[in-house]
Amino acid sequence: ASIKEEILNWISDKNCKKYKFN
């Protein structure tokens, strides 16, 4: 996956609050 896709996934996860990333 591209960096942009990873950022979008991180934003999506953050918004859904399903996962916790440091």
N, C-alpha and C. Protein backbone atom coordinates (compact mmCIF):
# COMPACT_ATOMS: atom_id res chain seq x y z
N ALA A 1 0.85 -1.21 0.00
CA ALA A 1 0.00 0.00 0.00
C ALA A 1 0.87 1.24 0.00
N SER A 2 0.34 2.30 -0.58
CA SER A 2 1.09 3.55 -0.63
C SER A 2 1.00 4.28 0.70
N ILE A 3 1.87 5.24 0.89
CA ILE A 3 1.87 6.01 2.15
C ILE A 3 0.52 6.72 2.31
N LYS A 4 0.00 7.27 1.22
CA LYS A 4 -1.29 7.97 1.29
C LYS A 4 -2.38 7.02 1.77
N GLU A 5 -2.35 5.78 1.25
CA GLU A 5 -3.37 4.80 1.66
C GLU A 5 -3.23 4.49 3.14
N GLU A 6 -1.98 4.38 3.61
CA GLU A 6 -1.77 4.09 5.04
C GLU A 6 -2.29 5.23 5.90
N ILE A 7 -2.07 6.47 5.45
CA ILE A 7 -2.56 7.63 6.20
C ILE A 7 -4.09 7.62 6.21
N LEU A 8 -4.70 7.34 5.07
CA LEU A 8 -6.17 7.30 5.00
C LEU A 8 -6.69 6.20 5.91
N ASN A 9 -6.01 5.07 5.94
CA ASN A 9 -6.43 3.97 6.81
C ASN A 9 -6.31 4.38 8.27
N TRP A 10 -5.22 5.10 8.60
CA TRP A 10 -5.01 5.55 9.97
C TRP A 10 -6.11 6.52 10.39
N ILE A 11 -6.45 7.44 9.49
CA ILE A 11 -7.52 8.40 9.79
C ILE A 11 -8.84 7.66 9.97
N SER A 12 -9.11 6.70 9.09
CA SER A 12 -10.35 5.94 9.18
C SER A 12 -10.42 5.19 10.51
N ASP A 13 -9.30 4.55 10.87
CA ASP A 13 -9.25 3.79 12.13
C ASP A 13 -9.41 4.74 13.31
N LYS A 14 -8.78 5.90 13.23
CA LYS A 14 -8.87 6.87 14.33
C LYS A 14 -10.31 7.34 14.49
N ASN A 15 -10.98 7.58 13.36
CA ASN A 15 -12.35 8.06 13.41
C ASN A 15 -13.28 6.97 13.94
N CYS A 16 -13.02 5.73 13.55
CA CYS A 16 -13.86 4.61 13.99
C CYS A 16 -13.51 4.20 15.42
N LYS A 17 -12.32 4.59 15.87
CA LYS A 17 -11.83 4.24 17.21
C LYS A 17 -11.82 2.72 17.41
N LYS A 18 -11.54 1.99 16.33
CA LYS A 18 -11.50 0.53 16.41
C LYS A 18 -10.11 0.06 16.83
N TYR A 19 -9.08 0.85 16.47
CA TYR A 19 -7.72 0.45 16.76
C TYR A 19 -6.97 1.57 17.45
N LYS A 20 -5.89 1.25 18.10
CA LYS A 20 -5.06 2.26 18.76
C LYS A 20 -3.64 2.21 18.17
N PHE A 21 -3.18 3.33 17.64
CA PHE A 21 -1.84 3.41 17.08
C PHE A 21 -1.04 4.44 17.86
N ASN A 22 0.25 4.20 17.99
CA ASN A 22 1.11 5.15 18.69
C ASN A 22 1.79 6.06 17.68
